Amino acid sequence: VGCDRSKNLVDICGEKNFQAFVCDALSVPICSGSCDACISIAVIHHFSTAERRMAAIRELARLLRPGGTALIYVWAMEQEYKNKKSKYLKEKSGSKDKEEEINTGTAQRPLSDQMPDNCSQDSACSDRLLNDKKDKGCDTKSFADSRLPVHTNRTSFHSQDLLVPWHLKGDAGKKGEGVSTASFPAGFKELQDLSSVFHRYYHVFCEGELEAACRSLDCVRVKKSYYDQGNWCVVLEKL
């Protein structure tokens, strides 16, 4: 049984006769101790605070029966480990296209300025968001000054907390550039019309960080911790 936050992606699972349902990883509607095994692949690195990342691991452990096993994969800060480059770095395209130029040197720019120049609609959305916060009496200065580095695809990481460009599949001129791609299911055409590039938040884990978080839980033991192609991985057992 699978679960995902996106209803559209869960619908795709249904079309392929897979069992899946919509839920939040911090609150899975399954009875405690009812799972023989759980996997969490490329999920926890999207939570933006240490507390929420810890809560996701704790929720995973809650689902397991005593003796049950969980496998967790998160993106690693170390994309070159023991003098070997990860597959992610090896697949870097040699082309210097406009998108990579746009993503270079944006670490000190406000989030509202980090979209490509042709995404004027996204800039308008950012302006509306700022105006909405101003109307509600929010501190717009601290919001406008919020900064996260925008990662250049297929390069090493220089920050643990960052935004990764996400390109819609099938965009003209994007083939072969070696960047993340995704297709938007039906019902998301309004997002597709806004821009062909989106920025996704990631917290990339340093060596030992995921293992230390797992070891802080009394209800599990770490059976194995290892590095796999640019990911830190832990296998847990429920006590």
Protein backbone atom coordinates (compact mmCIF):
# COMPACT_ATOMS: atom_id res chain seq x y z
CA VAL A 1 0.00 0.00 0.00
CA GLY A 2 1.34 3.41 -0.97
CA CYS A 3 0.53 6.94 0.13
CA ASP A 4 1.30 10.40 -1.21
CA ARG A 5 0.32 13.99 -0.49
CA SER A 6 -0.73 14.51 -4.12
CA LYS A 7 -4.20 13.28 -5.08
CA ASN A 8 -3.32 13.42 -8.76
CA LEU A 9 -0.32 11.14 -8.31
CA VAL A 10 -2.40 8.74 -6.19
CA ASP A 11 -4.99 8.68 -8.99
CA ILE A 12 -2.25 7.60 -11.40
CA CYS A 13 -1.44 4.70 -9.04
CA GLY A 14 -5.13 3.72 -9.12
CA GLU A 15 -5.14 3.73 -12.91
CA LYS A 16 -2.24 1.25 -12.79
CA ASN A 17 -4.07 -0.95 -10.25
CA PHE A 18 -1.75 -0.07 -7.37
CA GLN A 19 -3.23 0.46 -3.91
CA ALA A 20 -2.54 4.01 -2.71
CA PHE A 21 -4.24 6.77 -0.75
CA VAL A 22 -3.76 10.47 -0.03
CA CYS A 23 -2.26 11.49 3.31
CA ASP A 24 0.37 13.58 5.04
CA ALA A 25 3.61 11.78 6.00
CA LEU A 26 3.35 13.34 9.46
CA SER A 27 -0.09 11.80 10.05
CA VAL A 28 -0.62 8.47 8.29
CA PRO A 29 -4.14 7.02 8.85
CA ILE A 30 -2.94 3.48 9.61
CA CYS A 31 -3.11 1.79 13.00
CA SER A 32 0.07 1.77 15.07
CA GLY A 33 2.10 -1.43 14.88
CA SER A 34 0.27 -2.77 11.82
CA CYS A 35 3.04 -2.79 9.19
CA ASP A 36 5.68 -5.45 8.63
CA ALA A 37 7.83 -3.01 6.65
CA CYS A 38 7.80 0.62 5.56
CA ILE A 39 9.85 2.56 3.05
CA SER A 40 10.36 6.30 2.80
CA ILE A 41 12.25 7.22 -0.35
CA ALA A 42 13.12 10.86 -1.13
CA VAL A 43 10.44 12.26 1.19
CA ILE A 44 11.96 13.42 4.47
CA HIS A 45 14.46 15.77 2.79
CA HIS A 46 11.50 17.95 1.70
CA PHE A 47 10.56 18.90 5.29
CA SER A 48 11.92 22.34 6.14
CA THR A 49 12.70 21.97 9.87
CA ALA A 50 14.58 19.45 11.98
CA GLU A 51 11.45 19.01 14.12
CA ARG A 52 9.30 18.06 11.12
CA ARG A 53 11.95 15.72 9.75
CA MET A 54 12.14 14.04 13.16
CA ALA A 55 8.34 13.80 13.30
CA ALA A 56 8.31 12.04 9.92
CA ILE A 57 10.77 9.42 11.16
CA ARG A 58 8.78 8.98 14.37
CA GLU A 59 5.56 8.47 12.37
CA LEU A 60 7.29 5.85 10.23
CA ALA A 61 8.38 4.00 13.37
CA ARG A 62 4.86 4.18 14.82
CA LEU A 63 3.47 2.20 11.90
CA LEU A 64 5.83 -0.75 12.39
CA ARG A 65 5.00 -3.86 14.40
CA PRO A 66 7.68 -5.05 16.87
CA GLY A 67 10.45 -6.57 14.75
CA GLY A 68 9.25 -4.65 11.69
CA THR A 69 11.72 -2.92 9.41
CA ALA A 70 11.86 0.50 7.77
CA LEU A 71 14.13 1.80 5.01
CA ILE A 72 14.77 5.55 4.64
CA TYR A 73 16.54 7.31 1.77
CA VAL A 74 17.39 11.04 1.77
CA TRP A 75 19.52 13.16 -0.55
CA ALA A 76 23.13 13.55 0.62
CA MET A 77 25.12 16.75 0.90
CA GLU A 78 28.13 14.67 -0.14
CA GLN A 79 27.67 14.01 -3.85
CA GLU A 80 31.31 12.97 -4.05
CA TYR A 81 32.08 10.31 -1.45
CA LYS A 82 35.29 8.33 -0.97
CA ASN A 83 36.69 9.93 -4.14
CA LYS A 84 33.75 8.73 -6.22
CA LYS A 85 31.19 11.00 -7.86
CA SER A 86 27.51 10.12 -7.54
CA LYS A 87 25.42 9.23 -10.55
CA TYR A 88 23.78 12.65 -10.14
CA LEU A 89 27.09 14.44 -10.79
CA LYS A 90 28.20 12.04 -13.54
CA GLU A 91 25.07 12.77 -15.57
CA LYS A 92 25.80 16.51 -15.73
CA SER A 93 25.21 17.83 -19.22
CA GLY A 94 28.10 19.60 -20.89
CA SER A 95 25.82 22.20 -22.44
CA LYS A 96 25.72 25.72 -20.97
CA ASP A 97 22.11 26.59 -21.64
CA LYS A 98 20.21 29.65 -20.57
CA GLU A 99 18.55 27.86 -17.65
CA GLU A 100 21.87 27.08 -15.99
CA GLU A 101 22.95 30.69 -16.49
CA ILE A 102 19.76 31.87 -14.80
CA ASN A 103 20.36 29.58 -11.82
CA THR A 104 23.97 30.68 -11.29
CA GLY A 105 24.72 33.25 -8.61
CA THR A 106 21.17 33.59 -7.29
CA ALA A 107 22.00 32.70 -3.69
CA GLN A 108 21.80 36.31 -2.50
CA ARG A 109 18.63 37.23 -4.35
CA PRO A 110 15.09 37.29 -2.86
CA LEU A 111 12.92 34.29 -3.70
CA SER A 112 10.62 36.47 -5.80
CA ASP A 113 13.58 37.31 -8.08
CA GLN A 114 14.86 33.79 -8.58
CA MET A 115 12.49 32.76 -11.36
CA PRO A 116 13.54 32.97 -15.03
CA ASP A 117 13.03 36.29 -16.80
CA ASN A 118 10.14 35.01 -18.90
CA CYS A 119 8.09 34.05 -15.82
CA SER A 120 6.42 37.42 -15.35
CA GLN A 121 3.23 35.74 -14.15
CA ASP A 122 5.14 34.12 -11.27
CA SER A 123 6.58 37.50 -10.31
CA ALA A 124 3.05 38.88 -10.27
CA CYS A 125 2.02 36.04 -7.97
CA SER A 126 4.91 36.89 -5.62
CA ASP A 127 3.85 40.53 -5.60
CA ARG A 128 0.27 39.55 -4.75
CA LEU A 129 1.53 37.36 -1.92
CA LEU A 130 3.58 40.23 -0.51
CA ASN A 131 0.58 42.57 -0.76
CA ASP A 132 -1.66 40.02 0.97
CA LYS A 133 0.80 39.78 3.85
CA LYS A 134 0.96 43.57 4.07
CA ASP A 135 -2.84 43.74 4.24
CA LYS A 136 -2.82 41.22 7.09
CA GLY A 137 -0.23 43.19 9.03
CA CYS A 138 2.60 40.72 8.48
CA ASP A 139 6.25 41.75 8.56
CA THR A 140 6.76 42.07 4.81
CA LYS A 141 10.39 43.11 5.15
CA SER A 142 11.42 39.83 6.76
CA PHE A 143 9.37 37.93 4.15
CA ALA A 144 10.90 39.82 1.22
CA ASP A 145 14.41 39.34 2.64
CA SER A 146 14.00 35.55 2.89
CA ARG A 147 16.71 33.92 0.83
CA LEU A 148 17.57 30.38 -0.15
CA PRO A 149 20.25 29.38 -2.65
CA VAL A 150 18.99 28.05 -5.96
CA HIS A 151 20.93 24.94 -6.87
CA THR A 152 22.59 24.53 -10.26
CA ASN A 153 21.58 21.08 -11.45
CA ARG A 154 24.17 18.31 -11.62
CA THR A 155 26.66 20.17 -9.43
CA SER A 156 27.84 19.69 -5.85
CA PHE A 157 25.78 21.19 -3.04
CA HIS A 158 27.05 24.28 -1.24
CA SER A 159 24.20 24.58 1.25
CA GLN A 160 22.07 22.07 3.16
CA ASP A 161 18.88 24.07 2.65
CA LEU A 162 18.19 25.04 -0.94
CA LEU A 163 15.79 25.24 -3.85
CA VAL A 164 16.16 22.86 -6.81
CA PRO A 165 14.82 23.90 -10.25
CA TRP A 166 12.06 21.56 -11.43
CA HIS A 167 11.27 21.59 -15.16
CA LEU A 168 8.05 20.40 -16.73
CA LYS A 169 8.53 17.37 -18.94
CA GLY A 170 8.36 18.10 -22.65
CA ASP A 171 9.53 21.73 -22.49
CA ALA A 172 11.18 22.88 -25.67
CA GLY A 173 14.93 23.24 -25.30
CA LYS A 174 15.10 21.34 -22.01
CA LYS A 175 15.90 17.88 -23.36
CA GLY A 176 19.33 16.56 -22.50
CA GLU A 177 20.20 19.24 -19.99
CA GLY A 178 20.17 16.80 -17.12
CA VAL A 179 17.68 18.44 -14.78
CA SER A 180 14.73 17.20 -12.73
CA THR A 181 11.53 16.84 -14.75
CA ALA A 182 7.90 16.28 -13.86
CA SER A 183 4.61 16.20 -15.73
CA PHE A 184 1.57 17.85 -14.19
CA PRO A 185 -1.55 15.65 -14.04
CA ALA A 186 -4.96 16.83 -15.13
CA GLY A 187 -6.36 19.60 -12.99
CA PHE A 188 -3.04 21.44 -12.71
CA LYS A 189 -3.15 23.30 -16.02
CA GLU A 190 -3.22 26.65 -14.22
CA LEU A 191 0.20 25.85 -12.71
CA GLN A 192 1.53 24.73 -16.05
CA ASP A 193 0.43 28.03 -17.58
CA LEU A 194 2.29 30.06 -14.94
CA SER A 195 5.76 28.78 -15.69
CA SER A 196 7.76 25.87 -17.03
CA VAL A 197 10.21 26.05 -14.09
CA PHE A 198 9.41 25.59 -10.41
CA HIS A 199 11.64 25.55 -7.34
CA ARG A 200 11.34 22.71 -4.82
CA TYR A 201 12.72 22.92 -1.28
CA TYR A 202 15.31 20.36 -0.15
CA HIS A 203 17.31 19.80 3.01
CA VAL A 204 20.28 17.66 1.97
CA PHE A 205 21.67 15.51 4.80
CA CYS A 206 25.28 15.49 5.96
CA GLU A 207 27.02 12.23 6.86
CA GLY A 208 25.67 10.84 10.14
CA GLU A 209 22.75 13.28 10.35
CA LEU A 210 19.98 10.83 9.39
CA GLU A 211 21.47 8.05 11.50
CA ALA A 212 21.73 10.35 14.55
CA ALA A 213 18.09 11.37 14.18
CA CYS A 214 17.01 7.72 14.01
CA ARG A 215 19.15 6.74 17.02
CA SER A 216 17.44 9.43 19.10
CA LEU A 217 14.25 7.33 19.06
CA ASP A 218 13.98 4.78 21.87
CA CYS A 219 11.51 2.59 20.00
CA VAL A 220 13.85 1.58 17.14
CA ARG A 221 17.40 0.43 16.55
CA VAL A 222 19.56 1.22 13.54
CA LYS A 223 20.38 -2.05 11.79
CA LYS A 224 22.33 -0.48 8.94
CA SER A 225 23.45 2.93 7.73
CA TYR A 226 25.07 3.42 4.35
CA TYR A 227 25.70 5.70 1.35
CA ASP A 228 24.15 4.87 -2.00
CA GLN A 229 24.67 6.99 -5.13
CA GLY A 230 24.33 10.40 -3.51
CA ASN A 231 21.86 9.31 -0.81
CA TRP A 232 22.18 8.58 2.90
CA CYS A 233 20.23 5.49 3.84
CA VAL A 234 19.18 3.87 7.12
CA VAL A 235 17.51 0.55 7.89
CA LEU A 236 15.55 0.58 11.17
CA GLU A 237 14.05 -2.19 13.29
CA LYS A 238 11.12 -1.60 15.65
CA LEU A 239 11.87 -2.76 19.20
